[in-house]
Amino acid sequence: MNRFFGSKSTAPKPTLQGAIGGLDTRIESIDVKLAKLNAELSTYQQRMAKMRDGPGKTALRQKALKILQQRKLYESQREQLQQQSWNMEQAGMMQDNLKNVMVTVDALKSTNKELKKQYGKINIDKIEQLQDEMADLMDLGNEIQESISRSYDVPDDVDEAELDAELEALGEEMEWAGGEAEMLGGGAESLPAFLQEEVPSFVGGEGGEGKGKVGEEKVAAG
């Protein structure tokens, strides 16, 4: 069967880079031929410059024209190959860009999949509830701070005349308390009469004079 239809080719398929490399090789070969033709043409020109007009110079001129024609053909072929190579390079750049785009798209797909998986675990209602609770706690904290830092002002309905009277009474109490303290600290002479009768004899002075005086007063009273 293979003798009639041929066997399946096992040769590797040509690649874009391989095709560009083949074109570059052909261009280099044409450049070598062009260099050779340019050298021959320069030789003919130098020889014709030294020759006089005649059949020999005319024959040499015909050879130079043929070489010039060949050079033009090679230059035209070289330009075509260069254009083909450039087109293939552009195709290669487009292919590379497409590969980069595909890699980017695959990365975006994977990222999108992961984001959906992660965001799928988040309950937005719970987040809103948490935000509301935090706001309530902040308000409660502010109320507590305001309550703690509240100043105790005098009520507006307090009469100033009553405050003045209370202040005057407080001053009288302080004067009475001061006078009482002087009486207690001044000895027997400064005490009231009913307290002097019960004062021990030694408080009145030396030699028992105080005791005798108290005894006499008791006898007289009896």
N, C-alpha and C. Protein backbone atom coordinates (compact mmCIF):
# COMPACT_ATOMS: atom_id res chain seq x y z
N MET A 1 0.83 -1.20 0.00
CA MET A 1 0.00 0.00 0.00
C MET A 1 0.86 1.25 0.00
N ASN A 2 1.94 1.23 0.82
CA ASN A 2 2.82 2.39 0.88
C ASN A 2 3.53 2.63 -0.45
N ARG A 3 3.69 1.53 -1.30
CA ARG A 3 4.35 1.73 -2.59
C ARG A 3 3.49 2.55 -3.53
N PHE A 4 2.19 2.47 -3.37
CA PHE A 4 1.30 3.22 -4.26
C PHE A 4 1.04 4.65 -3.75
N PHE A 5 0.80 4.76 -2.48
CA PHE A 5 0.42 6.06 -1.92
C PHE A 5 1.55 6.74 -1.16
N GLY A 6 2.63 6.05 -0.97
CA GLY A 6 3.75 6.64 -0.25
C GLY A 6 3.58 6.49 1.25
N SER A 7 4.69 6.51 1.98
CA SER A 7 4.66 6.37 3.44
C SER A 7 4.50 7.74 4.08
N LYS A 8 4.04 7.71 5.30
CA LYS A 8 3.87 8.95 6.06
C LYS A 8 5.21 9.55 6.39
N SER A 9 5.34 10.84 6.10
CA SER A 9 6.62 11.51 6.34
C SER A 9 6.85 11.67 7.83
N THR A 10 8.06 11.32 8.26
CA THR A 10 8.45 11.45 9.67
C THR A 10 9.35 12.66 9.89
N ALA A 11 9.59 13.45 8.84
CA ALA A 11 10.46 14.63 8.99
C ALA A 11 9.76 15.67 9.84
N PRO A 12 10.51 16.38 10.66
CA PRO A 12 9.88 17.41 11.50
C PRO A 12 9.33 18.55 10.66
N LYS A 13 8.23 19.10 11.11
CA LYS A 13 7.62 20.21 10.39
C LYS A 13 8.50 21.45 10.50
N PRO A 14 8.56 22.22 9.42
CA PRO A 14 9.38 23.44 9.46
C PRO A 14 8.80 24.46 10.44
N THR A 15 9.69 25.10 11.11
CA THR A 15 9.28 26.14 12.06
C THR A 15 9.57 27.51 11.47
N LEU A 16 8.99 28.50 12.09
CA LEU A 16 9.17 29.87 11.62
C LEU A 16 10.63 30.31 11.77
N GLN A 17 11.22 29.97 12.87
CA GLN A 17 12.61 30.34 13.08
C GLN A 17 13.53 29.61 12.10
N GLY A 18 13.17 28.35 11.81
CA GLY A 18 13.97 27.62 10.82
C GLY A 18 13.87 28.24 9.44
N ALA A 19 12.66 28.68 9.06
CA ALA A 19 12.49 29.33 7.76
C ALA A 19 13.26 30.63 7.69
N ILE A 20 13.23 31.41 8.77
CA ILE A 20 13.99 32.68 8.80
C ILE A 20 15.48 32.40 8.69
N GLY A 21 15.94 31.36 9.37
CA GLY A 21 17.36 31.00 9.27
C GLY A 21 17.75 30.60 7.86
N GLY A 22 16.85 29.84 7.16
CA GLY A 22 17.15 29.46 5.77
C GLY A 22 17.23 30.67 4.85
N LEU A 23 16.34 31.64 5.04
CA LEU A 23 16.39 32.86 4.23
C LEU A 23 17.66 33.66 4.50
N ASP A 24 18.05 33.74 5.75
CA ASP A 24 19.28 34.47 6.07
C ASP A 24 20.49 33.81 5.41
N THR A 25 20.49 32.47 5.36
CA THR A 25 21.60 31.78 4.70
C THR A 25 21.65 32.09 3.20
N ARG A 26 20.51 32.10 2.55
CA ARG A 26 20.45 32.43 1.12
C ARG A 26 20.89 33.87 0.87
N ILE A 27 20.50 34.78 1.77
CA ILE A 27 20.92 36.18 1.62
C ILE A 27 22.44 36.31 1.75
N GLU A 28 23.00 35.58 2.70
CA GLU A 28 24.46 35.62 2.85
C GLU A 28 25.15 35.08 1.59
N SER A 29 24.58 34.01 0.98
CA SER A 29 25.16 33.46 -0.25
C SER A 29 25.11 34.48 -1.39
N ILE A 30 24.01 35.19 -1.51
CA ILE A 30 23.89 36.23 -2.55
C ILE A 30 24.88 37.36 -2.29
N ASP A 31 25.10 37.70 -1.03
CA ASP A 31 26.06 38.75 -0.71
C ASP A 31 27.46 38.36 -1.18
N VAL A 32 27.81 37.08 -1.05
CA VAL A 32 29.13 36.62 -1.52
C VAL A 32 29.24 36.77 -3.04
N LYS A 33 28.18 36.39 -3.75
CA LYS A 33 28.18 36.51 -5.21
C LYS A 33 28.25 37.96 -5.65
N LEU A 34 27.53 38.84 -4.93
CA LEU A 34 27.56 40.26 -5.26
C LEU A 34 28.95 40.85 -5.05
N ALA A 35 29.60 40.41 -3.99
CA ALA A 35 30.96 40.90 -3.75
C ALA A 35 31.90 40.48 -4.87
N LYS A 36 31.74 39.25 -5.35
CA LYS A 36 32.58 38.76 -6.46
C LYS A 36 32.30 39.55 -7.74
N LEU A 37 31.04 39.77 -8.05
CA LEU A 37 30.68 40.54 -9.25
C LEU A 37 31.19 41.98 -9.16
N ASN A 38 31.11 42.57 -7.99
CA ASN A 38 31.60 43.94 -7.83
C ASN A 38 33.12 44.01 -8.05
N ALA A 39 33.81 42.96 -7.59
CA ALA A 39 35.26 42.94 -7.80
C ALA A 39 35.59 42.83 -9.30
N GLU A 40 34.89 41.95 -10.03
CA GLU A 40 35.12 41.81 -11.46
C GLU A 40 34.77 43.11 -12.21
N LEU A 41 33.65 43.70 -11.83
CA LEU A 41 33.24 44.94 -12.49
C LEU A 41 34.26 46.05 -12.26
N SER A 42 34.82 46.12 -11.09
CA SER A 42 35.84 47.13 -10.81
C SER A 42 37.08 46.90 -11.65
N THR A 43 37.44 45.62 -11.85
CA THR A 43 38.61 45.30 -12.68
C THR A 43 38.38 45.73 -14.13
N TYR A 44 37.22 45.44 -14.64
CA TYR A 44 36.91 45.84 -16.02
C TYR A 44 36.94 47.36 -16.18
N GLN A 45 36.42 48.05 -15.20
CA GLN A 45 36.41 49.51 -15.29
C GLN A 45 37.84 50.07 -15.29
N GLN A 46 38.69 49.49 -14.48
CA GLN A 46 40.08 49.97 -14.46
C GLN A 46 40.79 49.69 -15.78
N ARG A 47 40.51 48.51 -16.34
CA ARG A 47 41.15 48.18 -17.63
C ARG A 47 40.63 49.08 -18.76
N MET A 48 39.30 49.33 -18.77
CA MET A 48 38.75 50.18 -19.84
C MET A 48 39.25 51.61 -19.73
N ALA A 49 39.55 52.04 -18.49
CA ALA A 49 40.04 53.40 -18.33
C ALA A 49 41.43 53.58 -18.96
N LYS A 50 42.19 52.50 -19.11
CA LYS A 50 43.53 52.58 -19.67
C LYS A 50 43.56 52.28 -21.18
N MET A 51 42.48 51.79 -21.70
CA MET A 51 42.44 51.39 -23.11
C MET A 51 41.90 52.51 -23.99
N ARG A 52 42.35 52.47 -25.25
CA ARG A 52 41.81 53.39 -26.25
C ARG A 52 40.55 52.79 -26.87
N ASP A 53 39.77 53.69 -27.47
CA ASP A 53 38.57 53.20 -28.13
C ASP A 53 38.93 52.25 -29.27
N GLY A 54 38.19 51.15 -29.30
CA GLY A 54 38.43 50.17 -30.34
C GLY A 54 37.67 48.90 -30.05
N PRO A 55 37.90 47.86 -30.89
CA PRO A 55 37.18 46.60 -30.69
C PRO A 55 37.46 45.95 -29.35
N GLY A 56 38.70 46.05 -28.84
CA GLY A 56 39.03 45.43 -27.55
C GLY A 56 38.29 46.08 -26.39
N LYS A 57 38.24 47.40 -26.44
CA LYS A 57 37.53 48.11 -25.37
C LYS A 57 36.04 47.86 -25.46
N THR A 58 35.51 47.72 -26.69
CA THR A 58 34.08 47.46 -26.84
C THR A 58 33.73 46.08 -26.30
N ALA A 59 34.56 45.08 -26.57
CA ALA A 59 34.31 43.72 -26.06
C ALA A 59 34.36 43.70 -24.53
N LEU A 60 35.34 44.42 -24.00
CA LEU A 60 35.45 44.47 -22.54
C LEU A 60 34.24 45.18 -21.92
N ARG A 61 33.74 46.14 -22.64
CA ARG A 61 32.55 46.87 -22.16
C ARG A 61 31.33 45.96 -22.15
N GLN A 62 31.20 45.08 -23.15
CA GLN A 62 30.08 44.15 -23.20
C GLN A 62 30.12 43.18 -22.01
N LYS A 63 31.32 42.73 -21.67
CA LYS A 63 31.45 41.85 -20.50
C LYS A 63 31.05 42.59 -19.21
N ALA A 64 31.45 43.83 -19.09
CA ALA A 64 31.12 44.61 -17.90
C ALA A 64 29.62 44.82 -17.78
N LEU A 65 28.95 45.04 -18.95
CA LEU A 65 27.50 45.21 -18.92
C LEU A 65 26.79 43.93 -18.47
N LYS A 66 27.28 42.76 -18.92
CA LYS A 66 26.69 41.49 -18.46
C LYS A 66 26.85 41.32 -16.95
N ILE A 67 28.04 41.64 -16.44
CA ILE A 67 28.26 41.53 -14.99
C ILE A 67 27.34 42.50 -14.24
N LEU A 68 27.17 43.70 -14.78
CA LEU A 68 26.28 44.67 -14.14
C LEU A 68 24.83 44.18 -14.14
N GLN A 69 24.43 43.51 -15.23
CA GLN A 69 23.08 42.95 -15.29
C GLN A 69 22.89 41.85 -14.25
N GLN A 70 23.89 40.98 -14.11
CA GLN A 70 23.82 39.91 -13.10
C GLN A 70 23.73 40.51 -11.68
N ARG A 71 24.50 41.57 -11.50
CA ARG A 71 24.48 42.18 -10.16
C ARG A 71 23.09 42.73 -9.84
N LYS A 72 22.44 43.34 -10.82
CA LYS A 72 21.10 43.86 -10.59
C LYS A 72 20.12 42.73 -10.27
N LEU A 73 20.24 41.59 -10.95
CA LEU A 73 19.36 40.46 -10.67
C LEU A 73 19.57 39.94 -9.24
N TYR A 74 20.83 39.80 -8.86
CA TYR A 74 21.13 39.33 -7.50
C TYR A 74 20.63 40.34 -6.45
N GLU A 75 20.79 41.61 -6.72
CA GLU A 75 20.32 42.63 -5.77
C GLU A 75 18.80 42.57 -5.64
N SER A 76 18.11 42.38 -6.77
CA SER A 76 16.65 42.26 -6.72
C SER A 76 16.22 41.03 -5.92
N GLN A 77 16.90 39.91 -6.15
CA GLN A 77 16.59 38.69 -5.40
C GLN A 77 16.89 38.86 -3.91
N ARG A 78 17.97 39.57 -3.65
CA ARG A 78 18.35 39.80 -2.25
C ARG A 78 17.30 40.65 -1.54
N GLU A 79 16.77 41.66 -2.18
CA GLU A 79 15.73 42.49 -1.60
C GLU A 79 14.46 41.68 -1.33
N GLN A 80 14.11 40.77 -2.27
CA GLN A 80 12.93 39.94 -2.06
C GLN A 80 13.11 39.02 -0.86
N LEU A 81 14.30 38.42 -0.76
CA LEU A 81 14.55 37.53 0.38
C LEU A 81 14.54 38.31 1.70
N GLN A 82 15.09 39.50 1.69
CA GLN A 82 15.08 40.31 2.90
C GLN A 82 13.65 40.67 3.30
N GLN A 83 12.80 40.97 2.32
CA GLN A 83 11.41 41.28 2.63
C GLN A 83 10.69 40.07 3.20
N GLN A 84 10.94 38.88 2.62
CA GLN A 84 10.34 37.66 3.15
C GLN A 84 10.80 37.40 4.59
N SER A 85 12.10 37.60 4.80
CA SER A 85 12.62 37.39 6.15
C SER A 85 12.00 38.36 7.15
N TRP A 86 11.83 39.60 6.73
CA TRP A 86 11.22 40.59 7.60
C TRP A 86 9.76 40.25 7.90
N ASN A 87 9.04 39.78 6.88
CA ASN A 87 7.65 39.38 7.11
C ASN A 87 7.56 38.23 8.10
N MET A 88 8.48 37.26 7.96
CA MET A 88 8.48 36.14 8.89
C MET A 88 8.84 36.59 10.31
N GLU A 89 9.76 37.54 10.43
CA GLU A 89 10.11 38.04 11.76
C GLU A 89 8.92 38.74 12.40
N GLN A 90 8.17 39.50 11.59
CA GLN A 90 6.96 40.12 12.12
C GLN A 90 5.94 39.07 12.57
N ALA A 91 5.80 38.01 11.76
CA ALA A 91 4.90 36.92 12.15
C ALA A 91 5.38 36.27 13.45
N GLY A 92 6.70 36.13 13.58
CA GLY A 92 7.24 35.56 14.82
C GLY A 92 6.96 36.45 16.02
N MET A 93 7.10 37.78 15.83
CA MET A 93 6.80 38.69 16.93
C MET A 93 5.33 38.64 17.30
N MET A 94 4.47 38.53 16.29
CA MET A 94 3.04 38.41 16.58
C MET A 94 2.75 37.11 17.32
N GLN A 95 3.44 36.05 16.94
CA GLN A 95 3.24 34.77 17.61
C GLN A 95 3.69 34.85 19.07
N ASP A 96 4.84 35.51 19.28
CA ASP A 96 5.32 35.67 20.66
C ASP A 96 4.36 36.52 21.48
N ASN A 97 3.85 37.58 20.87
CA ASN A 97 2.89 38.42 21.58
C ASN A 97 1.63 37.63 21.92
N LEU A 98 1.20 36.79 20.98
CA LEU A 98 0.00 35.98 21.23
C LEU A 98 0.25 35.00 22.38
N LYS A 99 1.45 34.42 22.41
CA LYS A 99 1.78 33.52 23.52
C LYS A 99 1.74 34.26 24.85
N ASN A 100 2.31 35.47 24.85
CA ASN A 100 2.30 36.26 26.09
C ASN A 100 0.87 36.60 26.50
N VAL A 101 0.03 36.91 25.49
CA VAL A 101 -1.36 37.21 25.80
C VAL A 101 -2.06 35.99 26.39
N MET A 102 -1.79 34.83 25.83
CA MET A 102 -2.42 33.61 26.35
C MET A 102 -1.96 33.32 27.77
N VAL A 103 -0.67 33.55 28.02
CA VAL A 103 -0.18 33.34 29.38
C VAL A 103 -0.86 34.31 30.35
N THR A 104 -1.02 35.56 29.90
CA THR A 104 -1.69 36.55 30.75
C THR A 104 -3.14 36.16 30.99
N VAL A 105 -3.82 35.70 29.94
CA VAL A 105 -5.22 35.29 30.09
C VAL A 105 -5.34 34.12 31.05
N ASP A 106 -4.43 33.15 30.93
CA ASP A 106 -4.47 31.99 31.84
C ASP A 106 -4.24 32.44 33.29
N ALA A 107 -3.31 33.38 33.46
CA ALA A 107 -3.05 33.88 34.81
C ALA A 107 -4.27 34.60 35.37
N LEU A 108 -4.93 35.38 34.52
CA LEU A 108 -6.14 36.08 34.96
C LEU A 108 -7.26 35.10 35.31
N LYS A 109 -7.38 34.06 34.51
CA LYS A 109 -8.41 33.05 34.82
C LYS A 109 -8.14 32.39 36.16
N SER A 110 -6.88 32.02 36.40
CA SER A 110 -6.55 31.39 37.69
C SER A 110 -6.80 32.34 38.85
N THR A 111 -6.41 33.61 38.66
CA THR A 111 -6.63 34.60 39.71
C THR A 111 -8.12 34.81 39.97
N ASN A 112 -8.88 34.87 38.88
CA ASN A 112 -10.33 35.05 39.02
C ASN A 112 -10.96 33.88 39.76
N LYS A 113 -10.49 32.69 39.47
CA LYS A 113 -11.02 31.50 40.14
C LYS A 113 -10.71 31.53 41.62
N GLU A 114 -9.48 31.91 41.96
CA GLU A 114 -9.09 31.97 43.37
C GLU A 114 -9.86 33.06 44.10
N LEU A 115 -10.05 34.21 43.43
CA LEU A 115 -10.79 35.30 44.07
C LEU A 115 -12.24 34.88 44.34
N LYS A 116 -12.85 34.22 43.38
CA LYS A 116 -14.22 33.75 43.60
C LYS A 116 -14.28 32.77 44.77
N LYS A 117 -13.27 31.92 44.85
CA LYS A 117 -13.25 30.94 45.95
C LYS A 117 -13.10 31.64 47.30
N GLN A 118 -12.23 32.64 47.35
CA GLN A 118 -12.00 33.34 48.61
C GLN A 118 -13.21 34.21 48.99
N TYR A 119 -13.71 34.98 48.02
CA TYR A 119 -14.84 35.86 48.33
C TYR A 119 -16.12 35.06 48.58
N GLY A 120 -16.17 33.84 48.09
CA GLY A 120 -17.34 33.02 48.35
C GLY A 120 -17.47 32.65 49.82
N LYS A 121 -16.37 32.71 50.57
CA LYS A 121 -16.39 32.38 51.98
C LYS A 121 -16.81 33.57 52.85
N ILE A 122 -16.94 34.73 52.26
CA ILE A 122 -17.25 35.93 53.02
C ILE A 122 -18.75 36.19 52.96
N ASN A 123 -19.35 36.40 54.14
CA ASN A 123 -20.77 36.72 54.25
C ASN A 123 -20.90 38.22 54.46
N ILE A 124 -21.41 38.91 53.45
CA ILE A 124 -21.49 40.36 53.53
C ILE A 124 -22.46 40.81 54.61
N ASP A 125 -23.50 39.99 54.88
CA ASP A 125 -24.46 40.34 55.92
C ASP A 125 -23.79 40.35 57.29
N LYS A 126 -22.91 39.38 57.53
CA LYS A 126 -22.20 39.34 58.80
C LYS A 126 -21.26 40.53 58.95
N ILE A 127 -20.67 40.93 57.84
CA ILE A 127 -19.78 42.09 57.89
C ILE A 127 -20.58 43.35 58.23
N GLU A 128 -21.75 43.49 57.59
CA GLU A 128 -22.60 44.64 57.90
C GLU A 128 -23.04 44.62 59.36
N GLN A 129 -23.40 43.43 59.85
CA GLN A 129 -23.80 43.31 61.26
C GLN A 129 -22.65 43.68 62.19
N LEU A 130 -21.45 43.22 61.83
CA LEU A 130 -20.28 43.55 62.64
C LEU A 130 -20.02 45.06 62.65
N GLN A 131 -20.20 45.69 61.49
CA GLN A 131 -20.01 47.13 61.42
C GLN A 131 -21.04 47.86 62.29
N ASP A 132 -22.28 47.39 62.26
CA ASP A 132 -23.32 48.01 63.10
C ASP A 132 -23.00 47.84 64.57
N GLU A 133 -22.56 46.66 64.96
CA GLU A 133 -22.22 46.43 66.37
C GLU A 133 -21.05 47.32 66.80
N MET A 134 -20.06 47.45 65.92
CA MET A 134 -18.93 48.32 66.24
C MET A 134 -19.38 49.77 66.40
N ALA A 135 -20.30 50.21 65.54
CA ALA A 135 -20.81 51.58 65.65
C ALA A 135 -21.57 51.77 66.96
N ASP A 136 -22.38 50.77 67.36
CA ASP A 136 -23.11 50.86 68.63
C ASP A 136 -22.15 50.91 69.81
N LEU A 137 -21.10 50.09 69.76
CA LEU A 137 -20.11 50.10 70.84
C LEU A 137 -19.38 51.45 70.92
N MET A 138 -19.09 52.02 69.78
CA MET A 138 -18.44 53.34 69.78
C MET A 138 -19.37 54.38 70.38
N ASP A 139 -20.64 54.35 70.03
CA ASP A 139 -21.60 55.30 70.61
C ASP A 139 -21.72 55.11 72.11
N LEU A 140 -21.76 53.83 72.56
CA LEU A 140 -21.84 53.56 73.99
C LEU A 140 -20.61 54.07 74.72
N GLY A 141 -19.44 53.86 74.11
CA GLY A 141 -18.21 54.36 74.72
C GLY A 141 -18.21 55.87 74.84
N ASN A 142 -18.72 56.55 73.82
CA ASN A 142 -18.78 58.01 73.88
C ASN A 142 -19.74 58.47 74.97
N GLU A 143 -20.87 57.78 75.12
CA GLU A 143 -21.81 58.13 76.17
C GLU A 143 -21.20 57.95 77.56
N ILE A 144 -20.43 56.86 77.70
CA ILE A 144 -19.78 56.61 79.00
C ILE A 144 -18.77 57.70 79.30
N GLN A 145 -17.99 58.08 78.30
CA GLN A 145 -16.99 59.13 78.51
C GLN A 145 -17.66 60.46 78.86
N GLU A 146 -18.76 60.77 78.18
CA GLU A 146 -19.47 62.00 78.48
C GLU A 146 -20.05 61.98 79.90
N SER A 147 -20.55 60.81 80.32
CA SER A 147 -21.12 60.70 81.66
C SER A 147 -20.06 60.84 82.74
N ILE A 148 -18.89 60.24 82.51
CA ILE A 148 -17.81 60.31 83.50
C ILE A 148 -17.26 61.72 83.61
N SER A 149 -17.15 62.38 82.50
CA SER A 149 -16.55 63.72 82.49
C SER A 149 -17.57 64.83 82.74
N ARG A 150 -18.81 64.49 83.13
CA ARG A 150 -19.83 65.50 83.35
C ARG A 150 -19.53 66.30 84.61
N SER A 151 -19.69 67.60 84.56
CA SER A 151 -19.45 68.48 85.72
C SER A 151 -20.76 68.67 86.48
N TYR A 152 -20.63 68.81 87.81
CA TYR A 152 -21.79 68.96 88.66
C TYR A 152 -22.01 70.45 88.92
N ASP A 153 -22.79 71.07 88.16
CA ASP A 153 -23.06 72.50 88.30
C ASP A 153 -24.15 72.74 89.34
N VAL A 154 -24.20 73.98 89.85
CA VAL A 154 -25.24 74.37 90.80
C VAL A 154 -26.56 74.46 90.07
N PRO A 155 -27.63 73.88 90.60
CA PRO A 155 -28.93 73.97 89.90
C PRO A 155 -29.35 75.42 89.69
N ASP A 156 -30.04 75.63 88.64
CA ASP A 156 -30.47 76.99 88.32
C ASP A 156 -31.53 77.53 89.28
N ASP A 157 -32.30 76.61 89.93
CA ASP A 157 -33.39 77.06 90.80
C ASP A 157 -32.96 77.41 92.22
N VAL A 158 -31.65 77.38 92.54
CA VAL A 158 -31.16 77.72 93.89
C VAL A 158 -31.15 79.24 94.03
N ASP A 159 -31.71 79.74 95.16
CA ASP A 159 -31.77 81.18 95.39
C ASP A 159 -30.47 81.66 96.01
N GLU A 160 -29.93 82.76 95.48
CA GLU A 160 -28.68 83.28 96.01
C GLU A 160 -28.85 83.82 97.44
N ALA A 161 -30.03 84.33 97.76
CA ALA A 161 -30.27 84.84 99.12
C ALA A 161 -30.17 83.71 100.15
N GLU A 162 -30.71 82.53 99.79
CA GLU A 162 -30.60 81.38 100.69
C GLU A 162 -29.15 80.98 100.88
N LEU A 163 -28.37 81.04 99.79
CA LEU A 163 -26.95 80.71 99.91
C LEU A 163 -26.22 81.70 100.81
N ASP A 164 -26.55 82.99 100.71
CA ASP A 164 -25.91 83.99 101.58
C ASP A 164 -26.27 83.76 103.04
N ALA A 165 -27.56 83.43 103.30
CA ALA A 165 -27.97 83.18 104.68
C ALA A 165 -27.27 81.96 105.25
N GLU A 166 -27.16 80.93 104.42
CA GLU A 166 -26.48 79.72 104.88
C GLU A 166 -25.01 79.98 105.16
N LEU A 167 -24.39 80.80 104.31
CA LEU A 167 -22.98 81.15 104.52
C LEU A 167 -22.79 81.95 105.79
N GLU A 168 -23.73 82.87 106.12
CA GLU A 168 -23.63 83.67 107.34
C GLU A 168 -23.80 82.81 108.58
N ALA A 169 -24.76 81.86 108.51
CA ALA A 169 -24.96 80.95 109.64
C ALA A 169 -23.73 80.09 109.87
N LEU A 170 -23.11 79.68 108.77
CA LEU A 170 -21.90 78.86 108.89
C LEU A 170 -20.79 79.66 109.56
N GLY A 171 -20.70 80.97 109.27
CA GLY A 171 -19.69 81.80 109.91
C GLY A 171 -19.94 81.94 111.40
N GLU A 172 -21.22 82.09 111.81
CA GLU A 172 -21.54 82.19 113.24
C GLU A 172 -21.19 80.91 113.98
N GLU A 173 -21.46 79.76 113.33
CA GLU A 173 -21.11 78.49 113.96
C GLU A 173 -19.61 78.37 114.18
N MET A 174 -18.86 78.84 113.19
CA MET A 174 -17.40 78.77 113.32
C MET A 174 -16.91 79.69 114.44
N GLU A 175 -17.53 80.89 114.62
CA GLU A 175 -17.14 81.79 115.72
C GLU A 175 -17.46 81.19 117.08
N TRP A 176 -18.64 80.56 117.19
CA TRP A 176 -19.02 79.93 118.47
C TRP A 176 -18.07 78.80 118.81
N ALA A 177 -17.73 78.00 117.77
CA ALA A 177 -16.80 76.89 118.02
C ALA A 177 -15.44 77.41 118.46
N GLY A 178 -15.01 78.54 117.90
CA GLY A 178 -13.73 79.10 118.31
C GLY A 178 -13.76 79.62 119.72
N GLY A 179 -14.88 80.25 120.15
CA GLY A 179 -14.98 80.74 121.52
C GLY A 179 -15.01 79.60 122.52
N GLU A 180 -15.67 78.52 122.20
CA GLU A 180 -15.73 77.36 123.09
C GLU A 180 -14.35 76.75 123.27
N ALA A 181 -13.59 76.73 122.16
CA ALA A 181 -12.24 76.17 122.27
C ALA A 181 -11.38 77.02 123.17
N GLU A 182 -11.55 78.37 123.17
CA GLU A 182 -10.78 79.24 124.06
C GLU A 182 -11.17 79.01 125.51
N MET A 183 -12.47 78.78 125.77
CA MET A 183 -12.92 78.54 127.14
C MET A 183 -12.31 77.26 127.68
N LEU A 184 -12.28 76.22 126.88
CA LEU A 184 -11.72 74.95 127.34
C LEU A 184 -10.22 75.05 127.54
N GLY A 185 -9.59 75.84 126.80
CA GLY A 185 -8.13 75.91 126.91
C GLY A 185 -7.64 76.98 127.88
N GLY A 186 -8.54 77.83 128.56
CA GLY A 186 -8.11 78.94 129.41
C GLY A 186 -8.00 78.61 130.89
N GLY A 187 -8.28 77.43 131.44
CA GLY A 187 -8.15 77.09 132.85
C GLY A 187 -9.47 77.24 133.60
N ALA A 188 -9.41 77.21 134.97
CA ALA A 188 -10.60 77.23 135.81
C ALA A 188 -11.27 78.58 135.80
N GLU A 189 -10.47 79.67 135.67
CA GLU A 189 -11.04 81.01 135.71
C GLU A 189 -11.94 81.26 134.52
N SER A 190 -11.66 80.59 133.39
CA SER A 190 -12.44 80.82 132.19
C SER A 190 -13.62 79.88 132.06
N LEU A 191 -13.79 78.93 132.98
CA LEU A 191 -14.88 77.97 132.91
C LEU A 191 -16.13 78.56 133.53
N PRO A 192 -17.30 78.09 133.15
CA PRO A 192 -18.54 78.51 133.79
C PRO A 192 -18.58 78.09 135.25
N ALA A 193 -19.50 78.71 136.03
CA ALA A 193 -19.56 78.47 137.49
C ALA A 193 -19.92 77.04 137.81
N PHE A 194 -20.84 76.45 137.01
CA PHE A 194 -21.27 75.09 137.34
C PHE A 194 -20.19 74.08 137.08
N LEU A 195 -19.21 74.44 136.22
CA LEU A 195 -18.08 73.54 135.99
C LEU A 195 -16.98 73.75 137.02
N GLN A 196 -16.88 74.98 137.60
CA GLN A 196 -15.82 75.26 138.57
C GLN A 196 -16.03 74.50 139.86
N GLU A 197 -17.28 74.20 140.24
CA GLU A 197 -17.53 73.50 141.48
C GLU A 197 -16.99 72.09 141.44
N GLU A 198 -16.93 71.47 140.27
CA GLU A 198 -16.49 70.08 140.17
C GLU A 198 -15.03 69.96 139.78
N VAL A 199 -14.33 71.09 139.67
CA VAL A 199 -12.91 71.04 139.32
C VAL A 199 -12.12 70.56 140.51
N PRO A 200 -11.18 69.66 140.39
CA PRO A 200 -10.39 69.19 141.53
C PRO A 200 -9.66 70.33 142.19
N SER A 201 -9.25 70.05 143.47
CA SER A 201 -8.64 71.09 144.28
C SER A 201 -7.31 71.53 143.73
N PHE A 202 -6.63 70.62 143.02
CA PHE A 202 -5.29 70.97 142.56
C PHE A 202 -5.32 71.89 141.35
N VAL A 203 -6.48 72.05 140.70
CA VAL A 203 -6.58 72.93 139.53
C VAL A 203 -6.51 74.39 139.97
N GLY A 204 -7.02 74.74 141.14
CA GLY A 204 -7.12 76.12 141.57
C GLY A 204 -5.79 76.74 141.90
N GLY A 205 -4.75 75.97 142.28
CA GLY A 205 -3.45 76.57 142.62
C GLY A 205 -2.77 75.76 143.68
N GLU A 206 -1.75 76.30 144.30
CA GLU A 206 -0.94 75.57 145.25
C GLU A 206 -1.52 75.68 146.67
N GLY A 207 -1.11 74.76 147.60
CA GLY A 207 -1.43 74.80 149.03
C GLY A 207 -2.86 74.50 149.36
N GLY A 208 -3.64 73.96 148.41
CA GLY A 208 -5.00 73.53 148.72
C GLY A 208 -5.96 74.66 148.86
N GLU A 209 -5.62 75.84 148.31
CA GLU A 209 -6.51 76.98 148.40
C GLU A 209 -7.79 76.75 147.61
N GLY A 210 -7.67 76.10 146.59
CA GLY A 210 -8.86 75.87 145.79
C GLY A 210 -9.83 74.95 146.50
N LYS A 211 -9.35 73.93 147.16
CA LYS A 211 -10.22 72.97 147.84
C LYS A 211 -10.95 73.63 148.98
N GLY A 212 -10.26 74.46 149.75
CA GLY A 212 -10.93 75.09 150.89
C GLY A 212 -12.02 75.99 150.43
N LYS A 213 -11.79 76.68 149.30
CA LYS A 213 -12.77 77.62 148.80
C LYS A 213 -14.03 76.88 148.37
N VAL A 214 -13.86 75.77 147.72
CA VAL A 214 -15.01 75.01 147.28
C VAL A 214 -15.77 74.45 148.47
N GLY A 215 -15.03 74.01 149.51
CA GLY A 215 -15.70 73.48 150.70
C GLY A 215 -16.49 74.53 151.40
N GLU A 216 -15.95 75.76 151.47
CA GLU A 216 -16.67 76.83 152.13
C GLU A 216 -17.94 77.15 151.41
N GLU A 217 -17.89 77.14 150.06
CA GLU A 217 -19.05 77.46 149.26
C GLU A 217 -20.13 76.41 149.48
N LYS A 218 -19.76 75.16 149.59
CA LYS A 218 -20.73 74.09 149.83
C LYS A 218 -21.42 74.26 151.20
N VAL A 219 -20.59 74.64 152.26
CA VAL A 219 -21.15 74.82 153.61
C VAL A 219 -22.14 75.97 153.62
N ALA A 220 -21.76 77.06 152.97
CA ALA A 220 -22.61 78.23 152.93
C ALA A 220 -23.90 77.93 152.22
N ALA A 221 -23.79 77.12 151.19
CA ALA A 221 -24.98 76.77 150.45
C ALA A 221 -25.89 75.88 151.25
N GLY A 222 -25.29 75.05 152.12
CA GLY A 222 -26.09 74.16 152.93
C GLY A 222 -26.79 74.89 154.03
